[in-house]
Amino acid sequence: MLSENPKCPSLQSHPYVNEKFGKVWSCWATGDVRIVFEYIFEYTDQNLVLLLLDIGGHSGKNSVY
């Protein structure tokens, strides 16, 4: 779903500032799991590329926040 439509409402994608990566996006994957990513555009083909930066929990010791 993320690769087809990163702004799909069920993913709850939203921008936020991460200590490690700066201004990025986060979305819901399942349960407490979140995916941190950023958009990269390939202007030659007008393709959208998502760079996955981190995957982990919303809270706890594996938190990505």
N, C-alpha and C. Protein backbone atom coordinates (compact mmCIF):
# COMPACT_ATOMS: atom_id res chain seq x y z
N MET A 1 0.83 -1.19 0.00
CA MET A 1 0.00 0.00 0.00
C MET A 1 0.88 1.26 0.00
N LEU A 2 1.97 1.25 0.76
CA LEU A 2 2.86 2.40 0.84
C LEU A 2 3.46 2.72 -0.53
N SER A 3 3.86 1.71 -1.27
CA SER A 3 4.47 1.96 -2.58
C SER A 3 3.47 2.45 -3.61
N GLU A 4 2.21 2.10 -3.47
CA GLU A 4 1.19 2.53 -4.43
C GLU A 4 0.64 3.92 -4.13
N ASN A 5 0.47 4.23 -2.85
CA ASN A 5 -0.07 5.53 -2.45
C ASN A 5 0.41 5.88 -1.04
N PRO A 6 1.56 6.54 -0.91
CA PRO A 6 2.11 6.85 0.41
C PRO A 6 1.19 7.72 1.27
N LYS A 7 0.24 8.40 0.66
CA LYS A 7 -0.67 9.26 1.43
C LYS A 7 -2.04 8.63 1.62
N CYS A 8 -2.13 7.31 1.45
CA CYS A 8 -3.38 6.60 1.68
C CYS A 8 -3.82 6.86 3.13
N PRO A 9 -5.07 7.25 3.35
CA PRO A 9 -5.52 7.59 4.70
C PRO A 9 -5.31 6.47 5.74
N SER A 10 -5.41 5.21 5.33
CA SER A 10 -5.26 4.13 6.30
C SER A 10 -3.82 4.00 6.81
N LEU A 11 -2.84 4.56 6.09
CA LEU A 11 -1.45 4.53 6.54
C LEU A 11 -1.15 5.62 7.58
N GLN A 12 -2.01 6.62 7.64
CA GLN A 12 -1.83 7.74 8.57
C GLN A 12 -0.47 8.40 8.39
N SER A 13 -0.03 8.55 7.15
CA SER A 13 1.26 9.18 6.86
C SER A 13 1.24 10.63 7.31
N HIS A 14 2.34 11.06 7.91
CA HIS A 14 2.44 12.43 8.38
C HIS A 14 3.91 12.85 8.46
N PRO A 15 4.19 14.13 8.23
CA PRO A 15 5.56 14.60 8.35
C PRO A 15 5.93 14.80 9.82
N TYR A 16 7.19 14.64 10.12
CA TYR A 16 7.69 14.96 11.46
C TYR A 16 9.20 15.12 11.40
N VAL A 17 9.76 15.71 12.44
CA VAL A 17 11.20 15.93 12.50
C VAL A 17 11.82 14.86 13.37
N ASN A 18 12.74 14.10 12.77
CA ASN A 18 13.43 13.00 13.44
C ASN A 18 14.82 13.48 13.84
N GLU A 19 15.29 13.11 15.03
CA GLU A 19 16.62 13.52 15.50
C GLU A 19 17.72 13.09 14.54
N LYS A 20 17.60 11.89 14.00
CA LYS A 20 18.65 11.32 13.16
C LYS A 20 18.56 11.77 11.70
N PHE A 21 17.33 11.92 11.17
CA PHE A 21 17.16 12.15 9.74
C PHE A 21 16.62 13.53 9.38
N GLY A 22 16.21 14.32 10.34
CA GLY A 22 15.63 15.63 10.04
C GLY A 22 14.15 15.52 9.69
N LYS A 23 13.70 16.37 8.77
CA LYS A 23 12.28 16.38 8.39
C LYS A 23 12.01 15.22 7.44
N VAL A 24 11.19 14.29 7.89
CA VAL A 24 10.86 13.08 7.13
C VAL A 24 9.37 12.79 7.28
N TRP A 25 8.96 11.64 6.80
CA TRP A 25 7.57 11.19 6.91
C TRP A 25 7.52 9.90 7.72
N SER A 26 6.40 9.66 8.36
CA SER A 26 6.18 8.42 9.10
C SER A 26 4.80 7.90 8.75
N CYS A 27 4.66 6.58 8.75
CA CYS A 27 3.34 6.00 8.50
C CYS A 27 3.18 4.75 9.36
N TRP A 28 1.94 4.35 9.50
CA TRP A 28 1.57 3.16 10.26
C TRP A 28 1.80 1.93 9.39
N ALA A 29 2.38 0.88 9.95
CA ALA A 29 2.54 -0.37 9.21
C ALA A 29 1.58 -1.42 9.78
N THR A 30 1.69 -1.67 11.06
CA THR A 30 0.79 -2.61 11.74
C THR A 30 1.00 -2.47 13.23
N GLY A 31 -0.04 -2.63 14.00
CA GLY A 31 0.08 -2.53 15.46
C GLY A 31 0.85 -1.30 15.88
N ASP A 32 1.98 -1.51 16.56
CA ASP A 32 2.82 -0.42 17.04
C ASP A 32 3.98 -0.12 16.09
N VAL A 33 3.99 -0.74 14.92
CA VAL A 33 5.13 -0.60 13.99
C VAL A 33 4.92 0.59 13.06
N ARG A 34 5.97 1.41 12.95
CA ARG A 34 5.95 2.58 12.08
C ARG A 34 7.09 2.50 11.07
N ILE A 35 6.90 3.12 9.91
CA ILE A 35 7.94 3.20 8.88
C ILE A 35 8.29 4.68 8.71
N VAL A 36 9.57 4.98 8.77
CA VAL A 36 10.06 6.34 8.56
C VAL A 36 10.64 6.38 7.15
N PHE A 37 10.22 7.37 6.37
CA PHE A 37 10.67 7.43 4.98
C PHE A 37 10.74 8.87 4.51
N GLU A 38 11.37 9.05 3.35
CA GLU A 38 11.34 10.34 2.69
C GLU A 38 11.06 10.13 1.20
N TYR A 39 10.53 11.17 0.59
CA TYR A 39 10.23 11.13 -0.83
C TYR A 39 11.46 11.55 -1.63
N ILE A 40 11.72 10.85 -2.72
CA ILE A 40 12.76 11.24 -3.67
C ILE A 40 12.13 11.14 -5.06
N PHE A 41 12.22 12.18 -5.82
CA PHE A 41 11.65 12.18 -7.16
C PHE A 41 12.75 11.93 -8.17
N GLU A 42 12.51 11.01 -9.08
CA GLU A 42 13.40 10.77 -10.21
C GLU A 42 12.84 11.60 -11.37
N TYR A 43 13.39 12.79 -11.57
CA TYR A 43 12.83 13.71 -12.54
C TYR A 43 12.95 13.24 -13.98
N THR A 44 13.91 12.38 -14.28
CA THR A 44 14.05 11.91 -15.66
C THR A 44 12.86 11.09 -16.10
N ASP A 45 12.33 10.29 -15.21
CA ASP A 45 11.17 9.44 -15.53
C ASP A 45 9.90 9.89 -14.83
N GLN A 46 9.99 10.95 -14.04
CA GLN A 46 8.86 11.44 -13.26
C GLN A 46 8.32 10.37 -12.32
N ASN A 47 9.22 9.54 -11.80
CA ASN A 47 8.83 8.49 -10.87
C ASN A 47 9.04 8.95 -9.44
N LEU A 48 8.20 8.47 -8.56
CA LEU A 48 8.35 8.73 -7.15
C LEU A 48 9.10 7.57 -6.52
N VAL A 49 10.15 7.89 -5.77
CA VAL A 49 10.92 6.87 -5.07
C VAL A 49 10.81 7.16 -3.58
N LEU A 50 10.52 6.14 -2.80
CA LEU A 50 10.48 6.28 -1.35
C LEU A 50 11.76 5.68 -0.77
N LEU A 51 12.46 6.45 0.02
CA LEU A 51 13.65 5.98 0.70
C LEU A 51 13.26 5.59 2.12
N LEU A 52 13.27 4.28 2.42
CA LEU A 52 12.92 3.81 3.76
C LEU A 52 14.12 4.03 4.67
N LEU A 53 13.92 4.77 5.74
CA LEU A 53 15.00 5.15 6.63
C LEU A 53 15.05 4.32 7.91
N ASP A 54 13.88 3.95 8.42
CA ASP A 54 13.84 3.23 9.69
C ASP A 54 12.49 2.54 9.83
N ILE A 55 12.49 1.42 10.51
CA ILE A 55 11.26 0.70 10.82
C ILE A 55 11.35 0.32 12.28
N GLY A 56 10.29 0.60 13.04
CA GLY A 56 10.31 0.27 14.46
C GLY A 56 9.02 0.68 15.13
N GLY A 57 9.02 0.62 16.43
CA GLY A 57 7.83 0.90 17.20
C GLY A 57 7.55 2.38 17.36
N HIS A 58 6.32 2.67 17.73
CA HIS A 58 5.92 4.04 18.05
C HIS A 58 6.38 4.37 19.46
N SER A 59 6.54 3.35 20.28
CA SER A 59 6.98 3.55 21.66
C SER A 59 7.83 2.35 22.07
N GLY A 60 8.44 2.42 23.23
CA GLY A 60 9.27 1.33 23.73
C GLY A 60 10.70 1.42 23.28
N LYS A 61 11.47 0.35 23.55
CA LYS A 61 12.90 0.40 23.27
C LYS A 61 13.23 0.38 21.77
N ASN A 62 12.32 -0.08 20.92
CA ASN A 62 12.52 -0.08 19.48
C ASN A 62 11.83 1.10 18.78
N SER A 63 11.63 2.16 19.53
CA SER A 63 10.91 3.32 19.02
C SER A 63 11.68 4.05 17.93
N VAL A 64 10.97 4.48 16.90
CA VAL A 64 11.58 5.30 15.86
C VAL A 64 11.31 6.78 16.11
N TYR A 65 10.57 7.09 17.16
CA TYR A 65 10.26 8.47 17.49
C TYR A 65 11.22 8.95 18.55
